[in-house]
Protein backbone atom coordinates (compact mmCIF):
# COMPACT_ATOMS: atom_id res chain seq x y z
CA MET A 1 0.00 0.00 0.00
CA LYS A 2 2.79 2.38 0.92
CA GLU A 3 4.60 1.68 -2.38
CA ASP A 4 1.34 2.39 -4.20
CA ARG A 5 0.94 5.75 -2.46
CA THR A 6 4.55 6.65 -3.28
CA MET A 7 4.02 5.85 -6.95
CA LYS A 8 0.88 8.04 -7.03
CA LYS A 9 2.84 10.88 -5.45
CA THR A 10 5.62 10.56 -8.03
CA ILE A 11 3.22 10.55 -10.96
CA LYS A 12 1.42 13.61 -9.57
CA THR A 13 4.72 15.48 -9.22
CA ILE A 14 5.73 14.72 -12.79
CA LEU A 15 2.42 16.04 -14.11
CA ILE A 16 2.71 19.24 -12.09
CA ALA A 17 6.29 19.79 -13.20
CA LEU A 18 5.43 19.27 -16.85
CA ALA A 19 2.53 21.70 -16.57
CA SER A 20 4.75 24.48 -15.29
CA VAL A 21 7.65 23.86 -17.67
CA SER A 22 5.46 23.83 -20.77
CA LEU A 23 4.29 27.37 -20.18
CA ALA A 24 7.73 28.87 -20.29
CA SER A 25 9.48 26.49 -22.68
CA SER A 26 9.37 28.79 -25.69
CA CYS A 27 11.60 31.34 -23.98
CA ILE A 28 13.60 29.12 -21.67
CA GLU A 29 14.90 26.83 -24.38
CA GLU A 30 16.82 29.76 -25.78
CA THR A 31 18.93 29.82 -22.64
CA PHE A 32 18.59 26.45 -20.98
CA PRO A 33 19.42 22.95 -22.22
CA LEU A 34 16.54 21.08 -23.83
CA GLU A 35 17.06 18.12 -21.56
CA GLY A 36 16.84 18.22 -17.81
CA ALA A 37 15.46 20.94 -15.53
CA ALA A 38 16.68 24.46 -15.32
CA THR A 39 18.45 25.32 -12.11
CA SER A 40 17.34 28.12 -9.83
CA GLU A 41 20.43 30.06 -10.77
CA GLN A 42 19.70 29.74 -14.49
CA LEU A 43 16.09 30.80 -14.06
CA ALA A 44 16.97 33.77 -11.89
CA GLN A 45 19.51 35.05 -14.39
CA SER A 46 17.29 34.63 -17.44
CA SER A 47 15.05 37.62 -18.10
CA ALA A 48 13.34 35.66 -20.87
CA GLY A 49 12.70 32.74 -18.57
CA MET A 50 11.33 34.93 -15.80
CA GLU A 51 9.12 36.87 -18.18
CA ALA A 52 7.79 33.60 -19.57
CA ALA A 53 7.10 32.28 -16.08
CA VAL A 54 5.17 35.44 -15.16
CA ASP A 55 3.20 35.21 -18.39
CA GLY A 56 2.58 31.59 -17.40
CA LEU A 57 0.84 32.82 -14.26
CA LEU A 58 -1.50 34.89 -16.40
CA ALA A 59 -2.10 31.98 -18.78
CA GLN A 60 -2.92 29.62 -15.94
CA MET A 61 -5.85 31.83 -14.94
CA TYR A 62 -7.73 30.38 -17.90
CA GLN A 63 -5.97 27.07 -18.63
CA ARG A 64 -8.14 24.06 -17.84
CA TYR A 65 -7.59 21.33 -15.31
CA TYR A 66 -6.97 18.54 -17.79
CA PHE A 67 -3.76 20.43 -18.42
CA PHE A 68 -2.59 18.11 -15.62
CA GLY A 69 -3.26 15.04 -17.69
CA SER A 70 -6.93 14.34 -17.13
CA SER A 71 -8.66 13.32 -20.33
CA ALA A 72 -12.15 14.00 -19.02
CA GLN A 73 -13.78 17.23 -20.12
CA ARG A 74 -15.99 19.17 -17.76
CA GLU A 75 -17.55 22.38 -18.98
CA PHE A 76 -17.11 24.13 -15.62
CA ASP A 77 -13.38 23.49 -15.98
CA MET A 78 -12.33 27.04 -16.87
CA SER A 79 -9.53 27.54 -14.36
CA TYR A 80 -9.96 30.72 -12.28
CA SER A 81 -12.81 32.15 -14.37
CA GLY A 82 -14.75 28.93 -13.78
CA ILE A 83 -14.07 29.18 -10.06
CA LEU A 84 -15.41 32.74 -9.99
CA VAL A 85 -18.61 31.52 -11.66
CA THR A 86 -18.75 28.78 -9.02
CA TYR A 87 -18.68 31.41 -6.28
CA SER A 88 -21.69 33.13 -7.87
CA ARG A 89 -23.58 29.86 -8.23
CA LEU A 90 -22.93 28.92 -4.61
CA LEU A 91 -24.78 32.09 -3.60
CA ASN A 92 -27.74 30.91 -5.70
CA ASP A 93 -27.96 34.37 -7.26
CA MET A 94 -28.05 32.83 -10.73
CA VAL A 95 -31.15 31.01 -11.95
CA ASN A 96 -31.21 28.44 -14.73
CA ASN A 97 -34.18 28.81 -17.09
CA SER A 98 -33.50 25.59 -18.97
CA SER A 99 -36.12 22.86 -18.82
CA THR A 100 -33.34 20.42 -17.92
CA GLU A 101 -30.54 20.93 -15.44
CA GLY A 102 -28.01 19.09 -17.60
CA TYR A 103 -26.92 22.12 -19.59
CA ASP A 104 -26.03 24.03 -16.43
CA TRP A 105 -22.81 22.40 -15.30
CA TRP A 106 -22.76 24.46 -12.12
CA THR A 107 -26.09 23.14 -10.81
CA SER A 108 -24.18 20.38 -9.06
CA TYR A 109 -22.52 22.96 -6.81
CA CYS A 110 -25.80 24.22 -5.40
CA GLY A 111 -28.37 21.43 -5.78
CA SER A 112 -30.07 20.44 -2.52
CA PHE A 113 -28.63 16.96 -2.52
CA GLY A 114 -25.08 18.25 -2.63
CA PHE A 115 -23.79 15.43 -4.79
CA SER A 116 -20.85 17.49 -5.96
CA MET A 117 -19.49 17.89 -2.46
CA LYS A 118 -18.03 14.41 -2.18
CA PRO A 119 -14.22 14.43 -2.23
CA ASN A 120 -14.05 12.13 -5.27
CA THR A 121 -15.86 14.50 -7.64
CA TYR A 122 -14.50 16.76 -10.35
CA GLN A 123 -16.32 19.67 -8.69
CA GLN A 124 -14.05 19.35 -5.67
CA THR A 125 -10.88 18.36 -7.51
CA ILE A 126 -10.75 21.13 -10.11
CA PRO A 127 -10.68 24.19 -7.78
CA PHE A 128 -8.13 22.64 -5.41
CA MET A 129 -5.74 21.60 -8.16
CA THR A 130 -6.20 24.86 -10.06
CA PHE A 131 -5.14 26.87 -7.00
CA TYR A 132 -2.05 24.75 -6.42
CA LYS A 133 -1.17 24.75 -10.12
CA ILE A 134 -0.91 28.52 -10.00
CA ILE A 135 0.87 28.40 -6.64
CA LYS A 136 3.42 26.00 -8.12
CA THR A 137 4.27 28.45 -10.89
CA ALA A 138 4.44 31.34 -8.42
CA ASN A 139 6.79 29.30 -6.23
CA ASP A 140 8.98 28.57 -9.25
CA ILE A 141 9.45 32.32 -9.65
CA ILE A 142 9.73 33.20 -5.97
CA GLY A 143 12.24 30.49 -5.10
CA PRO A 144 15.24 31.62 -7.17
CA LEU A 145 14.58 35.35 -6.97
CA ALA A 146 13.93 35.41 -3.23
CA SER A 147 17.19 33.51 -2.65
CA MET A 148 19.21 36.30 -4.29
CA ASN A 149 20.61 39.29 -2.47
CA PRO A 150 17.73 41.82 -2.53
CA GLU A 151 20.17 44.63 -3.36
CA GLU A 152 21.28 42.78 -6.48
CA LEU A 153 17.79 42.46 -7.96
CA ASN A 154 17.22 44.67 -10.98
CA ALA A 155 13.92 46.47 -11.60
CA ASP A 156 12.50 43.67 -13.75
CA GLN A 157 13.40 41.00 -11.21
CA LYS A 158 11.79 43.00 -8.40
CA ALA A 159 8.62 43.37 -10.46
CA TYR A 160 8.52 39.65 -11.34
CA LEU A 161 9.03 38.70 -7.72
CA GLY A 162 6.37 41.15 -6.51
CA ILE A 163 3.89 39.90 -9.10
CA ALA A 164 4.53 36.28 -8.10
CA TYR A 165 3.95 37.10 -4.42
CA THR A 166 0.69 38.84 -5.39
CA PHE A 167 -0.60 35.86 -7.36
CA ARG A 168 0.37 33.47 -4.60
CA ALA A 169 -1.34 35.64 -2.00
CA LEU A 170 -4.55 35.73 -4.04
CA MET A 171 -4.60 31.95 -4.37
CA TYR A 172 -4.03 31.41 -0.66
CA HIS A 173 -6.63 34.07 0.16
CA ASP A 174 -9.16 32.04 -1.82
CA LEU A 175 -8.00 28.77 -0.26
CA TYR A 176 -8.45 30.33 3.19
CA ASN A 177 -12.02 31.34 2.46
CA LEU A 178 -13.09 28.29 0.47
CA TYR A 179 -11.72 25.58 2.77
CA LEU A 180 -12.18 27.24 6.17
CA PRO A 181 -15.38 25.50 7.30
CA ALA A 182 -18.23 27.70 8.45
CA PRO A 183 -20.21 26.11 11.29
CA ASN A 184 -23.76 25.29 10.25
CA LYS A 185 -26.79 23.34 11.45
CA TYR A 186 -26.54 20.71 8.72
CA THR A 187 -23.06 19.21 9.16
CA ASP A 188 -20.69 18.86 12.10
CA VAL A 189 -17.43 20.64 11.25
CA SER A 190 -16.00 20.57 14.78
CA LYS A 191 -13.13 18.24 13.80
CA VAL A 192 -11.84 20.67 11.19
CA GLU A 193 -13.04 24.00 12.55
CA GLY A 194 -10.38 26.68 12.21
CA LEU A 195 -8.40 24.76 9.56
CA THR A 196 -7.82 25.87 5.98
CA ALA A 197 -5.57 24.25 3.35
CA PRO A 198 -1.90 23.24 3.16
CA ILE A 199 0.67 26.02 2.76
CA ILE A 200 3.32 25.19 0.17
CA VAL A 201 6.10 27.76 0.01
CA SER A 202 8.52 26.10 -2.38
CA SER A 203 8.45 23.69 -5.27
CA ALA A 204 10.72 21.38 -3.29
CA GLU A 205 7.91 20.78 -0.82
CA GLN A 206 5.84 19.35 -3.65
CA GLU A 207 8.42 16.56 -4.13
CA PRO A 208 6.93 14.03 -4.18
CA ALA A 209 3.67 15.47 -2.84
CA PHE A 210 2.21 18.18 -0.69
CA LYS A 211 3.17 16.42 2.56
CA THR A 212 1.70 19.25 4.57
CA ALA A 213 -1.24 19.35 6.96
CA ARG A 214 -4.09 21.83 6.74
CA ALA A 215 -2.92 25.15 8.13
CA PRO A 216 -4.78 26.84 11.01
CA LYS A 217 -6.58 29.97 9.83
CA GLU A 218 -4.28 32.22 11.85
CA ASP A 219 -1.21 30.79 10.12
CA MET A 220 -2.78 31.08 6.68
CA ALA A 221 -3.86 34.68 7.26
CA ALA A 222 -0.39 35.64 8.49
CA PHE A 223 1.16 33.95 5.46
CA VAL A 224 -1.08 35.81 3.00
CA LEU A 225 -0.39 39.17 4.64
CA ALA A 226 3.36 38.47 4.71
CA ASP A 227 3.33 37.75 0.96
CA LEU A 228 1.42 40.96 0.37
CA ASP A 229 3.85 42.98 2.47
CA LYS A 230 6.70 41.66 0.35
CA ALA A 231 4.78 42.39 -2.84
CA GLU A 232 4.02 45.92 -1.72
CA ALA A 233 7.69 46.67 -1.05
CA LEU A 234 8.87 45.12 -4.32
CA LEU A 235 6.22 46.81 -6.49
CA GLU A 236 6.71 50.29 -5.04
CA GLY A 237 7.34 52.61 -7.99
CA TYR A 238 6.40 49.91 -10.51
CA THR A 239 3.91 50.89 -13.21
CA PRO A 240 2.30 47.82 -14.81
CA PRO A 241 2.36 47.95 -18.62
CA THR A 242 -1.28 46.79 -18.64
CA GLY A 243 -3.93 45.99 -16.07
CA ARG A 244 -3.08 42.31 -16.52
CA TYR A 245 -0.14 42.79 -14.17
CA PRO A 246 -0.85 43.69 -10.54
CA GLY A 247 0.64 46.79 -8.98
CA VAL A 248 0.52 48.23 -5.46
CA PRO A 249 -3.21 49.17 -5.67
CA VAL A 250 -4.06 45.50 -6.29
CA VAL A 251 -1.91 44.50 -3.33
CA TYR A 252 -3.90 46.94 -1.18
CA GLY A 253 -7.11 45.43 -2.57
CA ILE A 254 -6.18 41.85 -1.65
CA LYS A 255 -5.15 43.09 1.80
CA ALA A 256 -8.59 44.66 2.19
CA ARG A 257 -10.21 41.34 1.22
CA MET A 258 -8.01 39.39 3.63
CA TYR A 259 -8.70 41.71 6.55
CA MET A 260 -12.44 41.40 5.86
CA ALA A 261 -12.14 37.62 6.02
CA MET A 262 -10.33 37.99 9.36
CA GLU A 263 -13.01 40.43 10.55
CA ASP A 264 -10.31 43.01 11.16
CA TYR A 265 -12.56 45.77 9.95
CA ALA A 266 -10.35 48.72 10.86
CA ASN A 267 -7.51 47.48 8.66
CA ALA A 268 -9.94 46.43 5.93
CA ALA A 269 -11.29 49.99 5.77
CA THR A 270 -7.77 51.43 5.68
CA TYR A 271 -6.61 49.27 2.79
CA ALA A 272 -9.81 49.58 0.80
CA ARG A 273 -9.39 53.34 0.87
CA LYS A 274 -5.70 53.04 -0.02
CA ALA A 275 -6.65 50.83 -2.98
CA ILE A 276 -9.19 53.39 -4.19
CA ASP A 277 -6.82 56.32 -3.89
CA ALA A 278 -3.77 54.55 -5.34
CA SER A 279 -5.62 53.00 -8.27
CA GLY A 280 -6.93 56.19 -9.83
CA LYS A 281 -9.92 54.14 -10.94
CA THR A 282 -13.53 55.26 -10.90
CA PRO A 283 -16.74 53.22 -10.81
CA LEU A 284 -18.33 52.26 -14.10
CA THR A 285 -20.64 54.87 -15.54
CA GLU A 286 -24.08 53.96 -16.85
CA ALA A 287 -22.78 54.21 -20.40
CA GLU A 288 -19.81 51.96 -19.66
CA TRP A 289 -21.99 49.44 -17.80
CA HIS A 290 -24.35 49.02 -20.75
CA ASN A 291 -21.93 49.42 -23.64
CA PRO A 292 -22.90 46.66 -26.10
CA THR A 293 -19.36 45.95 -27.28
CA THR A 294 -17.17 46.44 -24.19
CA ALA A 295 -19.25 45.98 -21.01
CA PHE A 296 -17.69 43.29 -18.80
CA CYS A 297 -15.65 41.93 -21.68
CA ASP A 298 -13.11 44.60 -22.64
CA ALA A 299 -10.86 46.34 -20.13
CA SER A 300 -10.30 49.23 -22.51
CA GLY A 301 -13.97 50.19 -22.29
CA ASN A 302 -14.00 51.26 -18.67
CA ASN A 303 -11.99 52.93 -15.95
CA SER A 304 -12.93 50.70 -13.03
CA TRP A 305 -10.96 47.50 -13.55
CA MET A 306 -7.93 47.30 -11.28
CA TRP A 307 -6.79 43.86 -12.41
CA TYR A 308 -7.83 41.48 -15.15
CA TYR A 309 -6.61 38.72 -17.44
CA ASN A 310 -7.55 38.08 -21.03
CA ILE A 311 -8.80 34.83 -22.54
CA PRO A 312 -7.65 33.99 -26.08
CA GLY A 313 -10.60 33.17 -28.30
CA ASN A 314 -9.21 29.83 -29.43
CA THR A 315 -8.40 28.58 -25.92
CA MET A 316 -11.67 27.34 -24.49
CA GLY A 317 -13.92 26.56 -27.41
CA ASN A 318 -17.57 27.43 -27.71
CA LEU A 319 -18.90 25.46 -24.75
CA CYS A 320 -16.19 25.69 -22.11
CA ASN A 321 -16.26 29.45 -22.15
CA PRO A 322 -17.26 31.86 -19.35
CA THR A 323 -18.85 34.35 -21.72
CA GLY A 324 -20.76 31.60 -23.45
CA PHE A 325 -22.20 30.57 -20.09
CA LEU A 326 -22.91 34.04 -18.68
CA SER A 327 -23.74 36.24 -21.66
CA GLY A 328 -27.44 36.43 -22.44
CA GLU A 329 -26.74 37.62 -25.97
CA SER A 330 -24.31 34.87 -27.07
CA ASP A 331 -25.56 32.41 -29.66
CA TRP A 332 -22.89 29.89 -28.65
CA GLY A 333 -22.09 28.23 -25.34
CA TYR A 334 -24.57 26.96 -22.82
CA ASN A 335 -26.30 30.27 -22.12
CA SER A 336 -28.32 29.83 -25.28
CA LEU A 337 -29.81 26.80 -23.50
CA THR A 338 -29.75 27.81 -19.83
CA GLN A 339 -30.48 31.53 -20.33
CA MET A 340 -29.16 32.44 -16.90
CA ALA A 341 -31.20 34.93 -14.94
CA ILE A 342 -30.93 36.83 -11.70
CA GLN A 343 -32.72 35.53 -8.63
CA ARG A 344 -36.08 37.32 -8.60
CA TRP A 345 -35.86 38.69 -5.07
CA LEU A 346 -32.54 40.32 -5.91
CA TYR A 347 -34.12 41.96 -8.93
CA ASP A 348 -37.32 43.07 -7.21
CA ARG A 349 -35.43 44.77 -4.43
CA MET A 350 -33.63 47.14 -6.82
CA ASN A 351 -35.11 50.59 -7.35
CA ARG A 352 -36.29 51.56 -10.82
CA THR A 353 -33.80 54.39 -10.61
CA ASP A 354 -30.89 51.93 -10.28
CA PHE A 355 -29.43 51.61 -13.79
CA ARG A 356 -28.11 48.13 -13.00
CA LYS A 357 -31.72 46.91 -13.10
CA ARG A 358 -31.56 47.33 -16.85
CA SER A 359 -29.09 44.44 -17.00
CA PHE A 360 -31.98 42.01 -16.53
CA ILE A 361 -35.21 41.63 -18.51
CA ASP A 362 -38.21 43.02 -16.66
CA PRO A 363 -41.41 40.94 -16.80
CA ASP A 364 -43.34 44.05 -17.89
CA ARG A 365 -42.47 44.09 -21.59
CA GLU A 366 -44.81 46.96 -22.41
CA THR A 367 -43.46 49.43 -19.89
CA TYR A 368 -39.93 48.22 -20.53
CA PRO A 369 -39.73 47.20 -24.22
CA ALA A 370 -36.60 46.18 -26.08
CA GLU A 371 -35.52 49.82 -26.44
CA TYR A 372 -35.18 49.96 -22.66
CA TYR A 373 -32.17 47.63 -23.01
CA THR A 374 -29.37 49.28 -24.96
CA TRP A 375 -27.74 45.99 -25.84
CA ALA A 376 -30.30 44.65 -28.24
CA ASP A 377 -30.16 46.44 -31.54
CA ALA A 378 -26.45 47.18 -31.30
CA ALA A 379 -25.66 43.48 -31.20
CA GLY A 380 -28.39 42.53 -33.63
CA TYR A 381 -29.38 39.72 -31.35
CA LEU A 382 -33.10 40.43 -31.22
CA LYS A 383 -33.40 40.20 -34.95
CA SER A 384 -33.00 36.45 -34.54
CA TYR A 385 -34.33 36.10 -31.03
CA PRO A 386 -37.51 38.10 -30.49
CA PHE A 387 -37.44 40.07 -27.29
CA ALA A 388 -40.86 38.87 -26.22
CA GLU A 389 -39.62 35.29 -26.14
CA GLN A 390 -36.76 35.95 -23.74
CA PRO A 391 -37.24 34.62 -20.18
CA ASP A 392 -38.10 37.08 -17.43
CA TYR A 393 -35.12 38.25 -15.37
CA LYS A 394 -32.66 36.95 -17.97
CA SER A 395 -29.25 38.57 -17.60
CA LEU A 396 -27.95 40.92 -20.26
CA LYS A 397 -25.04 42.13 -18.15
CA ILE A 398 -22.08 40.21 -19.62
CA ARG A 399 -21.44 41.29 -23.20
CA CYS A 400 -19.69 39.60 -26.11
CA LYS A 401 -16.37 41.09 -27.20
CA GLU A 402 -16.86 43.57 -30.04
CA GLY A 403 -20.58 42.84 -29.77
CA ASN A 404 -20.02 39.62 -31.72
CA TRP A 405 -22.66 37.20 -30.46
CA THR A 406 -22.26 34.66 -33.30
CA ALA A 407 -18.54 33.76 -33.31
CA TYR A 408 -17.08 32.54 -30.04
CA GLU A 409 -13.51 33.05 -31.30
CA ILE A 410 -14.24 36.79 -31.28
CA GLY A 411 -17.08 37.26 -28.81
CA GLY A 412 -15.49 34.93 -26.26
CA ALA A 413 -11.99 36.40 -26.48
CA VAL A 414 -12.71 38.60 -23.50
CA ASP A 415 -10.89 40.37 -20.72
CA TRP A 416 -11.99 38.98 -17.37
CA PRO A 417 -12.04 41.19 -14.27
CA MET A 418 -10.36 39.98 -11.10
CA MET A 419 -10.77 43.24 -9.19
CA ARG A 420 -12.93 46.30 -9.79
CA VAL A 421 -12.70 49.48 -7.75
CA GLU A 422 -16.42 49.25 -6.87
CA GLU A 423 -15.58 46.33 -4.58
CA MET A 424 -13.24 48.56 -2.60
CA TYR A 425 -15.98 51.17 -2.08
CA LEU A 426 -18.32 48.49 -0.72
CA ILE A 427 -15.63 46.92 1.46
CA GLU A 428 -14.89 50.35 2.88
CA ALA A 429 -18.56 51.00 3.63
CA GLU A 430 -19.06 47.76 5.56
CA ALA A 431 -15.68 47.91 7.29
CA VAL A 432 -16.16 51.50 8.45
CA GLY A 433 -19.64 50.64 9.66
CA MET A 434 -18.31 47.73 11.69
CA SER A 435 -15.27 49.54 13.10
CA GLN A 436 -16.40 53.17 13.43
CA GLY A 437 -20.13 52.87 13.93
CA GLU A 438 -22.94 51.82 11.65
CA SER A 439 -23.98 55.38 10.83
CA ALA A 440 -20.55 56.10 9.33
CA GLY A 441 -20.81 53.01 7.15
CA ILE A 442 -24.33 53.88 6.06
CA ALA A 443 -23.14 57.34 5.00
CA LEU A 444 -20.45 55.79 2.78
CA LEU A 445 -22.90 53.29 1.31
CA GLU A 446 -25.41 56.02 0.49
CA THR A 447 -22.70 58.20 -1.07
CA PHE A 448 -21.55 55.36 -3.32
CA MET A 449 -25.05 54.38 -4.37
CA LYS A 450 -26.32 57.90 -5.04
CA SER A 451 -23.15 58.99 -6.82
CA TYR A 452 -22.59 55.96 -9.00
CA ARG A 453 -25.61 53.63 -9.17
CA ASP A 454 -28.99 54.89 -7.98
CA PRO A 455 -29.75 58.57 -7.33
CA GLY A 456 -32.95 57.54 -5.54
CA TYR A 457 -31.24 55.23 -3.05
CA THR A 458 -31.63 55.77 0.69
CA TYR A 459 -30.62 53.38 3.39
CA ALA A 460 -33.75 54.21 5.36
CA ALA A 461 -35.96 52.98 2.50
CA ALA A 462 -33.86 49.83 2.18
CA ALA A 463 -34.10 49.20 5.94
CA GLU A 464 -37.88 49.38 5.78
CA ARG A 465 -37.75 46.18 3.74
CA PHE A 466 -35.62 44.21 6.21
CA SER A 467 -38.81 42.61 7.50
CA GLU A 468 -39.23 40.81 4.19
CA GLY A 469 -36.68 38.27 5.32
CA PHE A 470 -34.19 38.55 2.47
CA VAL A 471 -31.98 41.21 4.07
CA LYS A 472 -31.85 41.67 7.84
CA ASN A 473 -29.24 44.29 8.73
CA PHE A 474 -26.56 46.72 7.59
CA GLN A 475 -23.99 44.07 6.70
CA GLU A 476 -26.49 42.15 4.63
CA GLU A 477 -27.51 45.33 2.84
CA VAL A 478 -23.90 45.91 1.77
CA LEU A 479 -23.71 42.27 0.75
CA TYR A 480 -26.92 42.68 -1.23
CA GLN A 481 -25.37 45.54 -3.19
CA LYS A 482 -22.33 43.36 -3.89
CA ARG A 483 -24.57 40.55 -5.14
CA VAL A 484 -26.24 42.90 -7.60
CA GLU A 485 -23.05 44.73 -8.58
CA PHE A 486 -20.98 41.59 -9.14
CA TRP A 487 -23.60 39.16 -10.41
CA GLY A 488 -21.68 36.45 -12.27
CA GLU A 489 -18.27 37.80 -11.20
CA GLY A 490 -17.87 35.80 -7.99
CA VAL A 491 -17.52 38.68 -5.53
CA GLY A 492 -19.72 38.32 -2.44
CA PHE A 493 -19.52 34.60 -1.75
CA PHE A 494 -16.75 34.84 0.82
CA ASP A 495 -18.62 37.69 2.48
CA ALA A 496 -21.68 35.45 2.72
CA LYS A 497 -19.68 32.75 4.54
CA ARG A 498 -18.66 35.45 7.00
CA ILE A 499 -22.02 37.27 7.35
CA ARG A 500 -24.22 34.12 7.24
CA PRO A 501 -27.33 35.44 5.43
CA GLY A 502 -28.70 32.01 4.53
CA VAL A 503 -29.92 30.91 1.11
CA LYS A 504 -33.42 31.71 -0.13
CA THR A 505 -34.63 30.29 -3.41
CA TRP A 506 -38.14 29.06 -2.56
CA TYR A 507 -40.44 31.97 -1.81
CA LYS A 508 -43.67 33.33 -3.23
CA GLY A 509 -43.06 34.37 -6.81
CA SER A 510 -39.68 32.61 -7.01
CA ASN A 511 -38.34 32.12 -10.54
CA VAL A 512 -36.48 28.92 -9.57
CA ILE A 513 -37.96 26.04 -11.59
CA HIS A 514 -35.83 23.00 -10.69
CA GLU A 515 -36.88 20.93 -7.68
CA THR A 516 -33.36 20.34 -6.36
CA LEU A 517 -32.76 24.10 -6.26
CA LYS A 518 -35.92 24.95 -4.29
CA TYR A 519 -34.88 25.33 -0.68
CA ASN A 520 -34.30 27.80 2.11
CA ILE A 521 -31.20 27.37 4.24
CA GLU A 522 -30.57 29.09 7.55
CA GLU A 523 -27.39 31.12 7.95
CA VAL A 524 -24.79 28.97 6.15
CA SER A 525 -25.21 26.39 3.42
CA PRO A 526 -23.23 23.19 4.01
CA PHE A 527 -22.30 23.33 0.31
CA TRP A 528 -20.23 26.42 1.03
CA ASN A 529 -17.65 24.29 2.85
CA PHE A 530 -15.45 22.67 0.22
CA VAL A 531 -13.62 19.42 0.94
CA ILE A 532 -10.04 18.41 0.22
CA PRO A 533 -10.28 16.16 -2.86
CA GLU A 534 -9.68 12.45 -2.58
CA MET A 535 -6.69 12.49 -4.90
CA GLU A 536 -4.92 14.74 -2.41
CA PHE A 537 -5.56 12.89 0.84
CA GLU A 538 -4.71 9.62 -0.92
CA VAL A 539 -1.20 10.88 -1.62
CA ASN A 540 -0.70 13.23 1.33
CA ASP A 541 -0.16 11.36 4.57
CA TYR A 542 -0.77 14.57 6.52
CA ILE A 543 -4.42 14.80 5.47
CA VAL A 544 -6.79 11.94 6.22
CA LYS A 545 -10.45 11.17 5.65
CA GLU A 546 -12.90 12.14 8.34
CA ASP A 547 -13.34 8.59 9.57
CA ASP A 548 -9.58 8.05 9.84
CA ILE A 549 -7.73 8.48 13.12
CA ALA A 550 -5.47 11.51 13.18
CA THR A 551 -1.90 10.55 13.97
CA GLU A 552 1.44 12.27 14.46
CA ILE A 553 3.94 12.15 11.59
CA ASP A 554 7.41 13.61 12.08
CA GLY A 555 6.12 15.61 15.01
CA VAL A 556 3.19 17.04 13.01
CA MET A 557 -0.41 15.99 13.62
CA THR A 558 -2.33 14.97 10.54
CA THR A 559 -5.52 16.92 9.86
CA LEU A 560 -8.90 15.74 8.72
CA ASN A 561 -10.78 16.37 5.53
CA ASN A 562 -14.11 18.20 5.75
CA PRO A 563 -17.31 16.25 6.42
CA ASP A 564 -19.38 15.31 3.40
CA PRO A 565 -22.60 17.40 3.31
CA THR A 566 -24.27 15.18 0.70
CA GLY A 567 -27.99 14.85 1.32
CA LYS A 568 -27.97 17.14 4.36
CA VAL A 569 -30.44 19.65 2.89
CA GLU A 570 -33.89 18.43 2.05
CA THR A 571 -35.85 20.05 -0.72
CA ASP A 572 -38.32 22.33 1.04
CA LYS A 573 -41.65 22.73 -0.73
CA THR A 574 -42.91 25.28 1.79
CA GLN A 575 -42.58 28.78 0.43
CA PHE A 576 -42.18 31.78 2.71
């Protein structure tokens, strides 16, 4: 058995190594021998190799899991963009209008039976391995450069090192939030409470496997902040050539996110404001938000994106494509079948004066005809798909590149946002409210909403609706605005794990049509707690299944995988 486990570890290491090397091979082979591995010294001294490795980080944000050697194709396998969609689906803010669930590959993340939450599923394997794939490449950059005398690093090397620290920090920030179990009434997480994921700080530690236990949340948080401190120092004075590369404002933004996860609201407010001021970015205007050729697909069409990556049109194909899944105007991809919509209660709660409401089709087609939605004629979509036949609440937010809704190679070759300045405004509002008094936070929220989204917004009017049961307090109101603002973008899920608003899909007038998605969950969904995949605890002696006995290895206690929430939520047919 032990020999078997060792063989699995070796195979896994080879696959990971090949994945990283292939990204940079085109530049490295000019300097390094074609056979064997490049040494740390060679990599550190090669500008071409380092540049290729950094570009590899960007490429891995959209490269699919079977890059590791899996032959199976899963349409939610879109690397980081697919994970961001997963975050949105876990909130149940997106509604599938298809008569069958099969075309919506993300249904398995939020169905009431939780069948995707078992550790042997692709749904659990893909995010975990995607994070560590990117971490591996970041470590390959950090290792040789961090070992050099800091005073001997040139400007390019400092930038590469700072960028690598930033990417690694983002991945570990997400691992912290995704794998830190939130206590809930449906599953017992007491055995793993306070634990996150393994911390791997060098490629050597991945030989032959991750042989690292799950890190306590305090250790993970300190690690993320330490990486960000290093990135901030290294990137001082650095001006990214494009928004694809993170600079100091992005570092501030990830710090703000991390402090929010830690519930250190004072620091979160400080860094959110620093991110706003340092970025020079401004929230999307109404014209930018609804632009039929650039909205949420082209970084050049707005001044709000702080960080993004771009997806080559020929990389994902027509089905495994985030735009094809999210864009209501695309004639390719699964959206033409699922026609994803916003959860009705989210839509109904928006004021008519909020221009974001125009991103979703209103049931009243006479008061709000096709002309009400600026997308339609510009894209030519309604000429083939009559407006009257579109499902109520269907999303029109995510546009096709260049307005091309017929050719995925063009329309799907989009820029994908990883951080928008609007998030920082909303972080600041909640964090100030929690650290300086609710009234101060309310003032910031009202200023943001009235200035940039809804001139008719007042917190008092919003608070009058708390009795409806969807939103209960100030924190949930800020979260609500995030859920509307970042529908489909993934922002808000980690806040929900922290704030515990519950999940509400089965209410009077609900537009949810599939039985397995009709439920109301108190505080925290058990599906929000991801499990370490089976392929990891089978090769990592430091992580064991829940029913295994934790033991001490080399002075380190092994840690348990998360409990399986499968079947813990019954479909509730009682509407509220």
